[in-house]
């Protein structure tokens, strides 16, 4: 029981739980995506979905190689890169299609460890396209695998 001044309030614990989950709105639903990311999909395993719709993954590869693989993946998917910027250990690749804007951030964490973050925007408020971003991450991984085989 909870007490508020002189009044006694009875609040059922399940009601509190439902209320707290309700405060998160769609983010509570998105949390389940974080828990199930990659389940049943060996290629997409290790992909993290952030609450803002971005797709994030860390790979064991040099950042320059990952940036090249990202450009190959964009080309394969039909996106047109229009801006590439390198600032310190972060390379940002911007691309677009007829109705999507893509931002890929390739961040060097250590010599052979690189973090990839992909944001795909549909062009209106709160319109992140995590499905396209996930496919883009899968295509980057395929490009990296092709590049590894070619270098052997």
N, C-alpha and C. Protein backbone atom coordinates (compact mmCIF):
# COMPACT_ATOMS: atom_id res chain seq x y z
N UNK A 1 0.83 -1.18 0.00
CA UNK A 1 0.00 0.00 0.00
C UNK A 1 0.87 1.24 0.00
N UNK A 2 0.39 2.26 -0.68
CA UNK A 2 1.07 3.54 -0.71
C UNK A 2 0.23 4.55 0.05
N UNK A 3 0.86 5.44 0.74
CA UNK A 3 0.16 6.46 1.50
C UNK A 3 0.46 7.83 0.92
N UNK A 4 -0.54 8.63 0.70
CA UNK A 4 -0.38 10.00 0.23
C UNK A 4 -1.07 10.90 1.24
N UNK A 5 -0.32 11.47 2.14
CA UNK A 5 -0.90 12.30 3.19
C UNK A 5 -1.74 11.44 4.10
N UNK A 6 -2.98 11.86 4.32
CA UNK A 6 -3.89 11.10 5.16
C UNK A 6 -4.67 10.06 4.39
N UNK A 7 -4.57 10.13 3.06
CA UNK A 7 -5.37 9.20 2.25
C UNK A 7 -4.57 7.96 1.92
N UNK A 8 -5.24 6.85 1.96
CA UNK A 8 -4.62 5.59 1.63
C UNK A 8 -4.95 5.25 0.17
N UNK A 9 -3.94 4.98 -0.60
CA UNK A 9 -4.14 4.62 -1.99
C UNK A 9 -3.70 3.17 -2.19
N UNK A 10 -4.58 2.38 -2.73
CA UNK A 10 -4.21 1.00 -3.06
C UNK A 10 -3.86 0.94 -4.53
N UNK A 11 -2.66 0.57 -4.82
CA UNK A 11 -2.21 0.48 -6.21
C UNK A 11 -1.73 -0.94 -6.45
N UNK A 12 -2.31 -1.54 -7.39
CA UNK A 12 -1.98 -2.91 -7.75
C UNK A 12 -0.63 -2.93 -8.50
N UNK A 13 0.32 -3.79 -8.11
CA UNK A 13 1.62 -3.84 -8.78
C UNK A 13 1.54 -4.05 -10.30
N UNK A 14 0.64 -4.91 -10.82
CA UNK A 14 0.55 -5.01 -12.27
C UNK A 14 0.14 -3.70 -12.94
N UNK A 15 -0.69 -2.92 -12.28
CA UNK A 15 -1.11 -1.63 -12.82
C UNK A 15 0.09 -0.69 -12.90
N UNK A 16 0.96 -0.74 -11.92
CA UNK A 16 2.16 0.09 -11.94
C UNK A 16 3.04 -0.32 -13.12
N UNK A 17 3.22 -1.62 -13.31
CA UNK A 17 4.04 -2.11 -14.39
C UNK A 17 3.50 -1.67 -15.74
N UNK A 18 2.22 -1.84 -15.96
CA UNK A 18 1.59 -1.44 -17.22
C UNK A 18 1.74 0.06 -17.44
N UNK A 19 1.57 0.84 -16.38
CA UNK A 19 1.70 2.29 -16.48
C UNK A 19 3.10 2.71 -16.87
N UNK A 20 4.10 2.10 -16.26
CA UNK A 20 5.48 2.44 -16.57
C UNK A 20 5.82 2.06 -18.00
N UNK A 21 5.39 0.89 -18.44
CA UNK A 21 5.65 0.49 -19.83
C UNK A 21 4.94 1.41 -20.80
N UNK A 22 3.77 1.87 -20.42
CA UNK A 22 3.02 2.78 -21.28
C UNK A 22 3.71 4.12 -21.46
N UNK A 23 4.51 4.54 -20.47
CA UNK A 23 5.23 5.81 -20.58
C UNK A 23 6.27 5.78 -21.68
N UNK A 24 6.77 4.59 -21.99
CA UNK A 24 7.78 4.47 -23.02
C UNK A 24 7.20 4.48 -24.43
N UNK A 25 5.91 4.32 -24.57
CA UNK A 25 5.29 4.34 -25.89
C UNK A 25 5.85 3.24 -26.77
N UNK A 26 6.21 3.61 -27.98
CA UNK A 26 6.74 2.64 -28.93
C UNK A 26 8.13 2.15 -28.55
N UNK A 27 8.83 2.91 -27.72
CA UNK A 27 10.17 2.50 -27.30
C UNK A 27 10.13 1.17 -26.55
N UNK A 28 9.06 0.92 -25.81
CA UNK A 28 8.95 -0.36 -25.10
C UNK A 28 8.88 -1.50 -26.09
N UNK A 29 8.18 -1.28 -27.19
CA UNK A 29 8.09 -2.30 -28.23
C UNK A 29 9.45 -2.46 -28.90
N UNK A 30 10.14 -1.33 -29.13
CA UNK A 30 11.46 -1.37 -29.74
C UNK A 30 12.45 -2.13 -28.90
N UNK A 31 12.25 -2.14 -27.58
CA UNK A 31 13.15 -2.87 -26.69
C UNK A 31 13.15 -4.35 -26.98
N UNK A 32 12.02 -4.88 -27.42
CA UNK A 32 11.98 -6.30 -27.77
C UNK A 32 12.81 -6.56 -29.01
N UNK A 33 12.89 -5.55 -29.90
CA UNK A 33 13.72 -5.73 -31.09
C UNK A 33 15.19 -5.85 -30.70
N UNK A 34 15.60 -5.11 -29.68
CA UNK A 34 16.98 -5.23 -29.21
C UNK A 34 17.26 -6.62 -28.68
N UNK A 35 16.29 -7.19 -27.99
CA UNK A 35 16.49 -8.51 -27.40
C UNK A 35 16.48 -9.62 -28.44
N UNK A 36 15.80 -9.39 -29.57
CA UNK A 36 15.67 -10.44 -30.57
C UNK A 36 16.49 -10.17 -31.82
N UNK A 37 17.33 -9.14 -31.80
CA UNK A 37 18.12 -8.82 -32.99
C UNK A 37 18.98 -10.01 -33.39
N UNK A 38 18.84 -10.43 -34.63
CA UNK A 38 19.65 -11.50 -35.14
C UNK A 38 19.15 -12.89 -34.85
N UNK A 39 18.08 -13.06 -34.09
CA UNK A 39 17.57 -14.38 -33.77
C UNK A 39 17.03 -15.02 -35.05
N UNK A 40 17.55 -16.18 -35.39
CA UNK A 40 17.07 -16.89 -36.57
C UNK A 40 17.67 -16.38 -37.86
N UNK A 41 18.61 -15.45 -37.78
CA UNK A 41 19.22 -14.92 -38.99
C UNK A 41 20.71 -14.83 -38.76
N UNK A 42 21.43 -15.83 -39.23
CA UNK A 42 22.86 -15.90 -38.95
C UNK A 42 23.62 -14.72 -39.53
N UNK A 43 23.21 -14.24 -40.69
CA UNK A 43 23.89 -13.12 -41.32
C UNK A 43 23.73 -11.84 -40.52
N UNK A 44 22.57 -11.63 -39.93
CA UNK A 44 22.29 -10.38 -39.22
C UNK A 44 22.64 -10.45 -37.74
N UNK A 45 23.25 -11.53 -37.29
CA UNK A 45 23.53 -11.64 -35.86
C UNK A 45 24.53 -10.57 -35.44
N UNK A 46 24.34 -10.08 -34.24
CA UNK A 46 25.22 -9.05 -33.72
C UNK A 46 24.82 -7.65 -34.08
N UNK A 47 23.75 -7.48 -34.83
CA UNK A 47 23.28 -6.16 -35.20
C UNK A 47 22.42 -5.62 -34.07
N UNK A 48 22.74 -4.42 -33.65
CA UNK A 48 21.99 -3.76 -32.57
C UNK A 48 21.09 -2.70 -33.19
N UNK A 49 19.85 -2.67 -32.73
CA UNK A 49 18.92 -1.65 -33.19
C UNK A 49 18.75 -0.64 -32.07
N UNK A 50 19.07 0.62 -32.35
CA UNK A 50 18.92 1.64 -31.32
C UNK A 50 17.47 2.12 -31.31
N UNK A 51 17.10 2.80 -30.24
CA UNK A 51 15.73 3.27 -30.11
C UNK A 51 15.39 4.38 -31.11
N UNK A 52 16.39 5.02 -31.67
CA UNK A 52 16.11 6.06 -32.66
C UNK A 52 16.07 5.52 -34.08
N UNK A 53 16.13 4.20 -34.24
CA UNK A 53 15.98 3.58 -35.55
C UNK A 53 17.28 3.25 -36.26
N UNK A 54 18.41 3.60 -35.67
CA UNK A 54 19.69 3.31 -36.30
C UNK A 54 20.06 1.84 -36.10
N UNK A 55 20.89 1.35 -37.01
CA UNK A 55 21.41 -0.01 -36.93
C UNK A 55 22.90 0.12 -36.64
N UNK A 56 23.40 -0.62 -35.65
CA UNK A 56 24.78 -0.48 -35.21
C UNK A 56 25.42 -1.86 -35.12
N UNK A 57 26.66 -1.95 -35.56
CA UNK A 57 27.40 -3.20 -35.45
C UNK A 57 28.89 -2.89 -35.36
N UNK A 58 29.61 -3.69 -34.59
CA UNK A 58 31.06 -3.59 -34.52
C UNK A 58 31.64 -4.79 -35.25
N UNK A 59 32.63 -4.53 -36.11
CA UNK A 59 33.26 -5.59 -36.89
C UNK A 59 34.77 -5.55 -36.68
N UNK A 60 35.40 -6.67 -36.95
CA UNK A 60 36.86 -6.76 -36.86
C UNK A 60 37.42 -6.55 -38.26
N UNK A 61 37.70 -5.30 -38.55
CA UNK A 61 38.23 -4.92 -39.86
C UNK A 61 38.75 -3.49 -39.76
N UNK A 62 39.68 -3.13 -40.61
CA UNK A 62 40.23 -1.78 -40.65
C UNK A 62 39.14 -0.83 -41.16
N UNK A 63 39.06 0.36 -40.58
CA UNK A 63 37.97 1.29 -40.91
C UNK A 63 37.94 1.68 -42.38
N UNK A 64 39.10 1.83 -43.02
CA UNK A 64 39.13 2.17 -44.44
C UNK A 64 38.50 1.08 -45.30
N UNK A 65 38.76 -0.16 -44.94
CA UNK A 65 38.16 -1.29 -45.66
C UNK A 65 36.65 -1.31 -45.47
N UNK A 66 36.20 -1.01 -44.26
CA UNK A 66 34.76 -0.97 -43.98
C UNK A 66 34.09 0.14 -44.78
N UNK A 67 34.74 1.31 -44.87
CA UNK A 67 34.18 2.42 -45.65
C UNK A 67 34.07 2.03 -47.12
N UNK A 68 35.07 1.35 -47.66
CA UNK A 68 35.01 0.87 -49.05
C UNK A 68 33.88 -0.14 -49.23
N UNK A 69 33.73 -1.04 -48.27
CA UNK A 69 32.65 -2.03 -48.34
C UNK A 69 31.28 -1.35 -48.28
N UNK A 70 31.17 -0.29 -47.49
CA UNK A 70 29.91 0.46 -47.40
C UNK A 70 29.56 1.10 -48.74
N UNK A 71 30.57 1.66 -49.42
CA UNK A 71 30.32 2.26 -50.73
C UNK A 71 29.91 1.20 -51.76
N UNK A 72 30.52 0.02 -51.69
CA UNK A 72 30.13 -1.08 -52.59
C UNK A 72 28.68 -1.51 -52.31
N UNK A 73 28.32 -1.60 -51.04
CA UNK A 73 26.96 -1.99 -50.66
C UNK A 73 25.95 -0.96 -51.13
N UNK A 74 26.27 0.32 -50.97
CA UNK A 74 25.37 1.39 -51.44
C UNK A 74 25.16 1.27 -52.94
N UNK A 75 26.24 1.04 -53.68
CA UNK A 75 26.14 0.89 -55.13
C UNK A 75 25.28 -0.31 -55.50
N UNK A 76 25.50 -1.44 -54.81
CA UNK A 76 24.73 -2.66 -55.07
C UNK A 76 23.24 -2.44 -54.85
N UNK A 77 22.92 -1.63 -53.84
CA UNK A 77 21.50 -1.39 -53.51
C UNK A 77 20.88 -0.26 -54.31
N UNK A 78 21.69 0.45 -55.11
CA UNK A 78 21.15 1.50 -55.97
C UNK A 78 21.10 2.88 -55.32
N UNK A 79 21.80 3.06 -54.21
CA UNK A 79 21.87 4.38 -53.57
C UNK A 79 23.03 5.15 -54.19
N UNK A 80 22.87 6.46 -54.28
CA UNK A 80 23.89 7.29 -54.89
C UNK A 80 24.60 8.10 -53.81
N UNK A 81 25.89 7.82 -53.57
CA UNK A 81 26.63 8.59 -52.57
C UNK A 81 26.80 10.04 -53.05
N UNK A 82 26.58 11.01 -52.15
CA UNK A 82 26.74 12.41 -52.55
C UNK A 82 27.68 13.18 -51.65
N UNK A 83 28.15 12.56 -50.55
CA UNK A 83 29.06 13.25 -49.66
C UNK A 83 29.79 12.23 -48.79
N UNK A 84 31.12 12.31 -48.79
CA UNK A 84 31.93 11.49 -47.89
C UNK A 84 32.85 12.43 -47.14
N UNK A 85 32.85 12.33 -45.82
CA UNK A 85 33.62 13.23 -44.98
C UNK A 85 34.38 12.42 -43.94
N UNK A 86 35.68 12.69 -43.79
CA UNK A 86 36.47 12.03 -42.76
C UNK A 86 36.93 13.09 -41.76
N UNK A 87 36.64 12.85 -40.50
CA UNK A 87 37.03 13.76 -39.43
C UNK A 87 37.66 12.92 -38.31
N UNK A 88 38.98 12.92 -38.27
CA UNK A 88 39.68 12.10 -37.28
C UNK A 88 39.51 10.62 -37.57
N UNK A 89 38.91 9.90 -36.63
CA UNK A 89 38.72 8.46 -36.81
C UNK A 89 37.30 8.11 -37.27
N UNK A 90 36.54 9.11 -37.73
CA UNK A 90 35.16 8.88 -38.15
C UNK A 90 35.00 9.27 -39.62
N UNK A 91 34.49 8.32 -40.41
CA UNK A 91 34.15 8.60 -41.80
C UNK A 91 32.63 8.54 -41.93
N UNK A 92 32.05 9.59 -42.49
CA UNK A 92 30.60 9.63 -42.69
C UNK A 92 30.32 9.63 -44.18
N UNK A 93 29.50 8.69 -44.60
CA UNK A 93 29.11 8.57 -46.00
C UNK A 93 27.62 8.88 -46.08
N UNK A 94 27.26 9.85 -46.90
CA UNK A 94 25.86 10.21 -47.10
C UNK A 94 25.47 9.79 -48.51
N UNK A 95 24.28 9.21 -48.61
CA UNK A 95 23.79 8.75 -49.91
C UNK A 95 22.28 8.94 -49.96
N UNK A 96 21.72 8.84 -51.17
CA UNK A 96 20.28 8.99 -51.30
C UNK A 96 19.74 8.13 -52.43
N UNK A 97 18.47 7.86 -52.34
CA UNK A 97 17.73 7.23 -53.43
C UNK A 97 16.54 8.15 -53.70
N UNK A 98 15.56 7.67 -54.42
CA UNK A 98 14.42 8.53 -54.74
C UNK A 98 13.65 8.97 -53.52
N UNK A 99 13.58 8.13 -52.48
CA UNK A 99 12.79 8.50 -51.30
C UNK A 99 13.45 8.13 -49.97
N UNK A 100 14.77 7.98 -49.95
CA UNK A 100 15.48 7.66 -48.71
C UNK A 100 16.79 8.44 -48.66
N UNK A 101 17.13 8.91 -47.44
CA UNK A 101 18.44 9.52 -47.17
C UNK A 101 19.19 8.57 -46.24
N UNK A 102 20.44 8.28 -46.56
CA UNK A 102 21.23 7.34 -45.79
C UNK A 102 22.46 8.05 -45.22
N UNK A 103 22.77 7.74 -43.97
CA UNK A 103 24.00 8.21 -43.36
C UNK A 103 24.68 6.99 -42.73
N UNK A 104 25.90 6.73 -43.17
CA UNK A 104 26.69 5.62 -42.63
C UNK A 104 27.91 6.23 -41.94
N UNK A 105 28.04 5.95 -40.65
CA UNK A 105 29.20 6.42 -39.88
C UNK A 105 30.09 5.22 -39.59
N UNK A 106 31.33 5.31 -40.03
CA UNK A 106 32.32 4.28 -39.82
C UNK A 106 33.34 4.85 -38.83
N UNK A 107 33.37 4.28 -37.63
CA UNK A 107 34.22 4.80 -36.57
C UNK A 107 35.28 3.77 -36.18
N UNK A 108 36.54 4.18 -36.26
CA UNK A 108 37.63 3.29 -35.84
C UNK A 108 37.68 3.29 -34.31
N UNK A 109 37.52 2.09 -33.74
CA UNK A 109 37.58 1.94 -32.28
C UNK A 109 39.01 1.58 -31.86
N UNK A 110 39.62 0.67 -32.59
CA UNK A 110 41.00 0.27 -32.38
C UNK A 110 41.55 -0.10 -33.76
N UNK A 111 42.79 -0.49 -33.84
CA UNK A 111 43.42 -0.77 -35.13
C UNK A 111 42.58 -1.60 -36.09
N UNK A 112 42.08 -2.74 -35.63
CA UNK A 112 41.29 -3.63 -36.48
C UNK A 112 39.85 -3.75 -36.03
N UNK A 113 39.36 -2.81 -35.26
CA UNK A 113 37.98 -2.86 -34.77
C UNK A 113 37.27 -1.59 -35.20
N UNK A 114 36.13 -1.78 -35.86
CA UNK A 114 35.40 -0.65 -36.43
C UNK A 114 33.92 -0.77 -36.11
N UNK A 115 33.32 0.35 -35.76
CA UNK A 115 31.88 0.41 -35.47
C UNK A 115 31.18 1.05 -36.67
N UNK A 116 30.07 0.42 -37.07
CA UNK A 116 29.27 0.94 -38.19
C UNK A 116 27.91 1.34 -37.64
N UNK A 117 27.47 2.54 -37.99
CA UNK A 117 26.13 3.01 -37.61
C UNK A 117 25.44 3.47 -38.89
N UNK A 118 24.25 2.93 -39.14
CA UNK A 118 23.50 3.27 -40.35
C UNK A 118 22.15 3.87 -39.95
N UNK A 119 21.88 5.06 -40.47
CA UNK A 119 20.58 5.72 -40.32
C UNK A 119 19.96 5.85 -41.71
N UNK A 120 18.73 5.40 -41.86
CA UNK A 120 18.00 5.57 -43.12
C UNK A 120 16.74 6.35 -42.80
N UNK A 121 16.61 7.51 -43.41
CA UNK A 121 15.49 8.41 -43.16
C UNK A 121 14.55 8.42 -44.36
N UNK A 122 13.27 8.31 -44.08
CA UNK A 122 12.25 8.32 -45.14
C UNK A 122 11.90 9.73 -45.59
N UNK A 123 12.35 10.74 -44.87
CA UNK A 123 12.12 12.11 -45.31
C UNK A 123 11.06 12.88 -44.55
N UNK A 124 10.50 12.31 -43.52
CA UNK A 124 9.57 13.06 -42.69
C UNK A 124 9.86 12.75 -41.23
N UNK A 125 9.27 13.49 -40.32
CA UNK A 125 9.58 13.40 -38.90
C UNK A 125 9.35 11.98 -38.36
N UNK A 126 10.28 11.51 -37.53
CA UNK A 126 10.23 10.18 -36.90
C UNK A 126 10.02 9.08 -37.93
N UNK A 127 10.81 9.10 -38.98
CA UNK A 127 10.58 8.17 -40.08
C UNK A 127 11.82 7.34 -40.40
N UNK A 128 12.47 6.81 -39.40
CA UNK A 128 13.64 5.97 -39.63
C UNK A 128 13.21 4.62 -40.22
N UNK A 129 13.95 4.14 -41.19
CA UNK A 129 13.66 2.88 -41.86
C UNK A 129 14.71 1.84 -41.44
N UNK A 130 14.43 1.15 -40.34
CA UNK A 130 15.42 0.20 -39.82
C UNK A 130 15.51 -1.06 -40.68
N UNK A 131 14.47 -1.37 -41.43
CA UNK A 131 14.52 -2.55 -42.30
C UNK A 131 15.54 -2.35 -43.42
N UNK A 132 15.50 -1.19 -44.06
CA UNK A 132 16.48 -0.90 -45.12
C UNK A 132 17.87 -0.79 -44.53
N UNK A 133 18.00 -0.20 -43.34
CA UNK A 133 19.30 -0.09 -42.68
C UNK A 133 19.87 -1.47 -42.36
N UNK A 134 19.01 -2.40 -41.93
CA UNK A 134 19.46 -3.76 -41.63
C UNK A 134 19.97 -4.44 -42.90
N UNK A 135 19.23 -4.30 -43.98
CA UNK A 135 19.66 -4.89 -45.26
C UNK A 135 20.97 -4.28 -45.71
N UNK A 136 21.14 -2.99 -45.49
CA UNK A 136 22.38 -2.32 -45.86
C UNK A 136 23.56 -2.90 -45.06
N UNK A 137 23.34 -3.15 -43.76
CA UNK A 137 24.38 -3.74 -42.93
C UNK A 137 24.74 -5.14 -43.44
N UNK A 138 23.75 -5.91 -43.81
CA UNK A 138 23.99 -7.25 -44.36
C UNK A 138 24.81 -7.16 -45.64
N UNK A 139 24.48 -6.18 -46.49
CA UNK A 139 25.22 -6.01 -47.75
C UNK A 139 26.66 -5.56 -47.48
N UNK A 140 26.88 -4.73 -46.46
CA UNK A 140 28.25 -4.34 -46.09
C UNK A 140 29.03 -5.56 -45.65
N UNK A 141 28.40 -6.43 -44.84
CA UNK A 141 29.06 -7.65 -44.41
C UNK A 141 29.41 -8.55 -45.59
N UNK A 142 28.50 -8.64 -46.57
CA UNK A 142 28.77 -9.44 -47.77
C UNK A 142 29.92 -8.85 -48.56
N UNK A 143 29.97 -7.53 -48.66
CA UNK A 143 31.08 -6.87 -49.36
C UNK A 143 32.40 -7.13 -48.65
N UNK A 144 32.39 -7.06 -47.32
CA UNK A 144 33.60 -7.34 -46.55
C UNK A 144 34.07 -8.78 -46.79
N UNK A 145 33.14 -9.72 -46.80
CA UNK A 145 33.49 -11.12 -47.04
C UNK A 145 34.08 -11.30 -48.43
N UNK A 146 33.50 -10.66 -49.43
CA UNK A 146 34.01 -10.74 -50.80
C UNK A 146 35.42 -10.15 -50.88
N UNK A 147 35.63 -9.02 -50.19
CA UNK A 147 36.95 -8.39 -50.18
C UNK A 147 37.98 -9.27 -49.48
N UNK A 148 37.59 -9.96 -48.42
CA UNK A 148 38.51 -10.86 -47.71
C UNK A 148 38.92 -12.02 -48.60
N UNK A 149 37.94 -12.59 -49.32
CA UNK A 149 38.25 -13.72 -50.21
C UNK A 149 39.16 -13.29 -51.34
N UNK A 150 38.95 -12.08 -51.86
CA UNK A 150 39.76 -11.59 -52.98
C UNK A 150 41.20 -11.32 -52.55
N UNK A 151 41.41 -10.98 -51.27
CA UNK A 151 42.76 -10.67 -50.80
C UNK A 151 43.58 -11.90 -50.44
N UNK A 152 42.96 -13.07 -50.43
CA UNK A 152 43.67 -14.30 -50.07
C UNK A 152 44.50 -14.83 -51.20
